[in-house]
């Protein structure tokens, strides 16, 4: 097995469901290193997209009255044809007894989740790995904060976009935008100097761009 070409092995393993591929990490150190590599992750994602496989439905249990448990569930699309469907409960890295965690966006199996505008993380539900995004303070009151999440093909990087908009002066309809981009590769924020000429305000819909409102308190 040690002489088996790694590129051929990767082509075989990328065809497995995520859970099965992760269990194969226990075979040997070389298999673990291969499966944990960024190259294998991209190979697995590309194969899944090409074959329309390894698709999962994310479910979010929301507690509005403070009596239940706030959590996420994962459900394989293939299991929807079964008579008994049992969603898998996931460990939410931002789980709070007081706040319902929101999904701000998803891309290639990664989720951008948040409790508040100051508590955001990138999370891989399949592996359980996550990365909290550094906080960039907002000092203005009565602002709208919008987030977007996606993959930068040119730079092979996942990026989070934060757009903060607030009223400028006393003139009605006059506003200013502060746009920042977080790079997962460099793990830092950078400010976009160009002014955004559009006013953004979206309804709160999980998985889409979310609009937070920050009051004066």
Protein backbone atom coordinates (compact mmCIF):
# COMPACT_ATOMS: atom_id res chain seq x y z
CA UNK A 1 0.00 0.00 0.00
CA UNK A 2 2.93 2.32 0.69
CA UNK A 3 3.93 2.17 -3.00
CA UNK A 4 0.42 3.03 -4.24
CA UNK A 5 0.60 6.37 -6.14
CA UNK A 6 -0.85 9.15 -4.01
CA UNK A 7 -2.42 10.91 -6.98
CA UNK A 8 -4.34 7.76 -7.87
CA UNK A 9 -5.30 7.26 -4.22
CA UNK A 10 -6.59 10.83 -4.07
CA UNK A 11 -8.74 10.26 -7.17
CA UNK A 12 -10.28 7.22 -5.47
CA UNK A 13 -10.84 8.80 -2.07
CA UNK A 14 -12.40 11.97 -3.48
CA UNK A 15 -15.32 9.85 -4.70
CA UNK A 16 -16.23 8.86 -1.15
CA UNK A 17 -18.82 10.69 0.98
CA UNK A 18 -17.26 13.15 3.41
CA UNK A 19 -17.81 10.95 6.49
CA UNK A 20 -16.21 7.93 4.82
CA UNK A 21 -13.25 9.97 3.58
CA UNK A 22 -12.65 11.30 7.09
CA UNK A 23 -12.68 7.80 8.56
CA UNK A 24 -9.97 6.82 6.08
CA UNK A 25 -7.63 9.21 7.89
CA UNK A 26 -7.10 6.43 10.45
CA UNK A 27 -5.51 4.08 7.90
CA UNK A 28 -2.03 5.60 8.03
CA UNK A 29 -0.12 8.82 8.49
CA UNK A 30 0.26 9.27 4.75
CA UNK A 31 -3.49 8.87 4.22
CA UNK A 32 -4.18 11.35 7.03
CA UNK A 33 -1.79 13.91 5.53
CA UNK A 34 -3.35 13.44 2.11
CA UNK A 35 -6.94 13.82 3.27
CA UNK A 36 -6.09 16.80 5.48
CA UNK A 37 -4.36 18.64 2.63
CA UNK A 38 -5.89 21.66 0.92
CA UNK A 39 -5.34 20.00 -2.45
CA UNK A 40 -7.51 17.03 -1.51
CA UNK A 41 -10.23 19.33 -0.16
CA UNK A 42 -10.39 21.14 -3.51
CA UNK A 43 -10.36 17.83 -5.38
CA UNK A 44 -13.24 16.51 -3.28
CA UNK A 45 -15.27 19.72 -3.73
CA UNK A 46 -14.68 19.78 -7.49
CA UNK A 47 -15.76 16.16 -7.84
CA UNK A 48 -18.87 16.73 -5.74
CA UNK A 49 -19.86 19.77 -7.81
CA UNK A 50 -19.17 17.96 -11.08
CA UNK A 51 -21.19 14.87 -10.14
CA UNK A 52 -23.81 16.69 -8.05
CA UNK A 53 -23.01 14.40 -5.12
CA UNK A 54 -22.30 14.77 -1.38
CA UNK A 55 -25.12 17.30 -1.10
CA UNK A 56 -26.47 18.12 2.34
CA UNK A 57 -29.34 20.13 3.67
CA UNK A 58 -28.61 22.36 6.67
CA UNK A 59 -31.41 22.78 9.19
CA UNK A 60 -31.43 25.35 11.98
CA UNK A 61 -33.51 25.01 15.13
CA UNK A 62 -34.47 28.43 16.45
CA UNK A 63 -35.58 29.09 20.00
CA UNK A 64 -37.60 32.30 20.26
CA UNK A 65 -38.83 31.84 23.82
CA UNK A 66 -35.74 30.55 25.62
CA UNK A 67 -37.09 27.11 26.51
CA UNK A 68 -35.49 24.88 23.88
CA UNK A 69 -32.11 24.04 22.45
CA UNK A 70 -30.60 26.10 19.65
CA UNK A 71 -28.72 23.86 17.23
CA UNK A 72 -27.98 22.88 13.64
CA UNK A 73 -28.75 19.64 11.85
CA UNK A 74 -27.35 18.08 8.70
CA UNK A 75 -29.37 15.90 6.35
CA UNK A 76 -28.04 14.01 3.32
CA UNK A 77 -30.09 14.57 0.20
CA UNK A 78 -29.89 10.86 -0.66
CA UNK A 79 -31.58 9.98 2.65
CA UNK A 80 -34.71 11.92 1.68
CA UNK A 81 -35.82 8.88 -0.32
CA UNK A 82 -35.78 6.71 2.80
CA UNK A 83 -38.85 5.99 4.87
CA UNK A 84 -37.12 7.15 8.04
CA UNK A 85 -35.14 10.37 7.88
CA UNK A 86 -32.89 11.19 10.82
CA UNK A 87 -31.03 14.51 10.72
CA UNK A 88 -27.57 14.56 12.33
CA UNK A 89 -27.12 17.10 15.10
CA UNK A 90 -24.04 19.27 14.65
CA UNK A 91 -21.91 20.99 17.25
CA UNK A 92 -22.25 24.70 16.57
CA UNK A 93 -18.97 26.43 17.56
CA UNK A 94 -20.83 29.64 18.39
CA UNK A 95 -23.71 28.00 20.25
CA UNK A 96 -25.19 30.31 22.85
CA UNK A 97 -27.97 29.87 25.38
CA UNK A 98 -29.19 33.39 24.62
CA UNK A 99 -28.65 33.93 20.88
CA UNK A 100 -29.82 32.05 17.79
CA UNK A 101 -26.79 31.63 15.52
CA UNK A 102 -27.43 32.80 11.95
CA UNK A 103 -26.06 31.46 8.68
CA UNK A 104 -24.75 34.44 6.72
CA UNK A 105 -23.61 32.46 3.71
CA UNK A 106 -22.25 29.19 2.37
CA UNK A 107 -19.64 28.19 -0.20
CA UNK A 108 -18.07 24.81 -1.07
CA UNK A 109 -19.24 23.21 2.15
CA UNK A 110 -18.11 26.08 4.38
CA UNK A 111 -20.54 28.22 6.36
CA UNK A 112 -20.23 31.79 7.55
CA UNK A 113 -22.12 31.93 10.84
CA UNK A 114 -22.72 34.68 13.36
CA UNK A 115 -24.29 35.47 16.70
CA UNK A 116 -23.72 39.24 16.43
CA UNK A 117 -21.74 41.55 14.15
CA UNK A 118 -18.85 41.12 16.61
CA UNK A 119 -18.97 37.31 16.78
CA UNK A 120 -18.48 35.66 13.38
CA UNK A 121 -16.84 32.40 12.32
CA UNK A 122 -16.11 30.27 9.28
CA UNK A 123 -17.20 26.70 9.98
CA UNK A 124 -16.82 23.37 8.17
CA UNK A 125 -19.73 21.25 9.48
CA UNK A 126 -18.27 18.07 7.92
CA UNK A 127 -14.98 18.21 9.84
CA UNK A 128 -16.09 20.35 12.79
CA UNK A 129 -13.20 22.75 12.20
CA UNK A 130 -13.86 26.46 12.49
CA UNK A 131 -12.08 29.79 12.59
CA UNK A 132 -13.34 32.84 14.43
CA UNK A 133 -12.90 36.00 12.41
CA UNK A 134 -11.08 38.89 14.13
CA UNK A 135 -13.39 41.65 15.31
CA UNK A 136 -13.33 45.00 13.53
CA UNK A 137 -15.17 47.50 15.70
CA UNK A 138 -18.04 49.68 14.54
CA UNK A 139 -18.34 53.01 16.32
CA UNK A 140 -21.29 54.57 14.48
CA UNK A 141 -24.86 54.17 15.74
CA UNK A 142 -27.99 53.29 13.76
CA UNK A 143 -26.11 51.52 11.00
CA UNK A 144 -26.88 48.58 8.74
CA UNK A 145 -24.22 45.89 8.51
CA UNK A 146 -24.32 43.47 5.57
CA UNK A 147 -22.14 40.40 5.07
CA UNK A 148 -21.27 38.33 2.02
CA UNK A 149 -19.15 35.19 1.69
CA UNK A 150 -17.58 33.53 -1.33
CA UNK A 151 -14.58 31.99 -3.03
CA UNK A 152 -11.99 34.04 -4.92
CA UNK A 153 -10.99 31.78 -7.83
CA UNK A 154 -8.19 34.07 -9.01
CA UNK A 155 -6.36 34.05 -5.67
CA UNK A 156 -7.60 30.66 -4.43
CA UNK A 157 -8.94 32.25 -1.27
CA UNK A 158 -12.19 32.43 0.69
CA UNK A 159 -13.29 35.95 1.53
CA UNK A 160 -15.84 37.67 3.72
CA UNK A 161 -17.20 41.07 2.73
CA UNK A 162 -18.58 43.42 5.36
CA UNK A 163 -20.49 46.51 4.26
CA UNK A 164 -21.35 49.06 6.94
CA UNK A 165 -23.71 51.86 5.95
CA UNK A 166 -24.92 54.80 8.02
CA UNK A 167 -26.56 58.15 7.47
CA UNK A 168 -24.26 61.06 6.65
CA UNK A 169 -25.36 64.42 7.91
CA UNK A 170 -28.96 65.57 8.28
CA UNK A 171 -29.90 65.27 4.62
CA UNK A 172 -32.42 62.49 4.07
CA UNK A 173 -31.12 59.67 1.88
CA UNK A 174 -27.49 60.69 2.27
CA UNK A 175 -25.31 57.84 3.48
CA UNK A 176 -21.72 56.65 3.68
CA UNK A 177 -20.39 53.11 3.22
CA UNK A 178 -17.44 51.40 4.88
CA UNK A 179 -16.47 48.24 2.96
CA UNK A 180 -13.95 45.73 4.30
CA UNK A 181 -12.80 42.35 3.00
CA UNK A 182 -11.47 39.51 5.16
CA UNK A 183 -9.07 37.03 3.55
CA UNK A 184 -8.96 33.52 5.00
CA UNK A 185 -5.52 32.98 3.46
CA UNK A 186 -3.93 36.01 5.13
CA UNK A 187 -6.31 36.03 8.13
CA UNK A 188 -6.69 39.79 8.06
CA UNK A 189 -9.05 42.55 6.98
CA UNK A 190 -8.41 45.24 4.36
CA UNK A 191 -10.49 48.31 3.64
CA UNK A 192 -11.87 49.03 0.16
CA UNK A 193 -11.24 52.71 -0.47
CA UNK A 194 -13.79 53.15 -3.26
CA UNK A 195 -17.16 54.45 -2.10
CA UNK A 196 -20.08 52.05 -2.60
CA UNK A 197 -22.79 54.00 -4.47
CA UNK A 198 -25.65 51.68 -3.49
CA UNK A 199 -27.81 51.52 -0.38
CA UNK A 200 -28.16 47.94 0.82
CA UNK A 201 -30.83 46.63 3.14
CA UNK A 202 -31.95 43.02 2.96
CA UNK A 203 -34.48 40.93 4.81
CA UNK A 204 -33.15 38.45 7.38
CA UNK A 205 -32.99 35.21 5.38
CA UNK A 206 -30.57 32.42 6.47
CA UNK A 207 -28.05 31.58 3.79
CA UNK A 208 -28.41 34.94 2.05
CA UNK A 209 -26.79 38.28 2.73
CA UNK A 210 -27.95 39.32 6.19
CA UNK A 211 -28.68 42.84 7.37
CA UNK A 212 -28.01 43.63 11.01
CA UNK A 213 -29.27 46.79 12.64
CA UNK A 214 -27.22 48.33 15.40
CA UNK A 215 -29.08 50.69 17.71
CA UNK A 216 -27.80 53.45 19.94
CA UNK A 217 -27.66 51.25 23.04
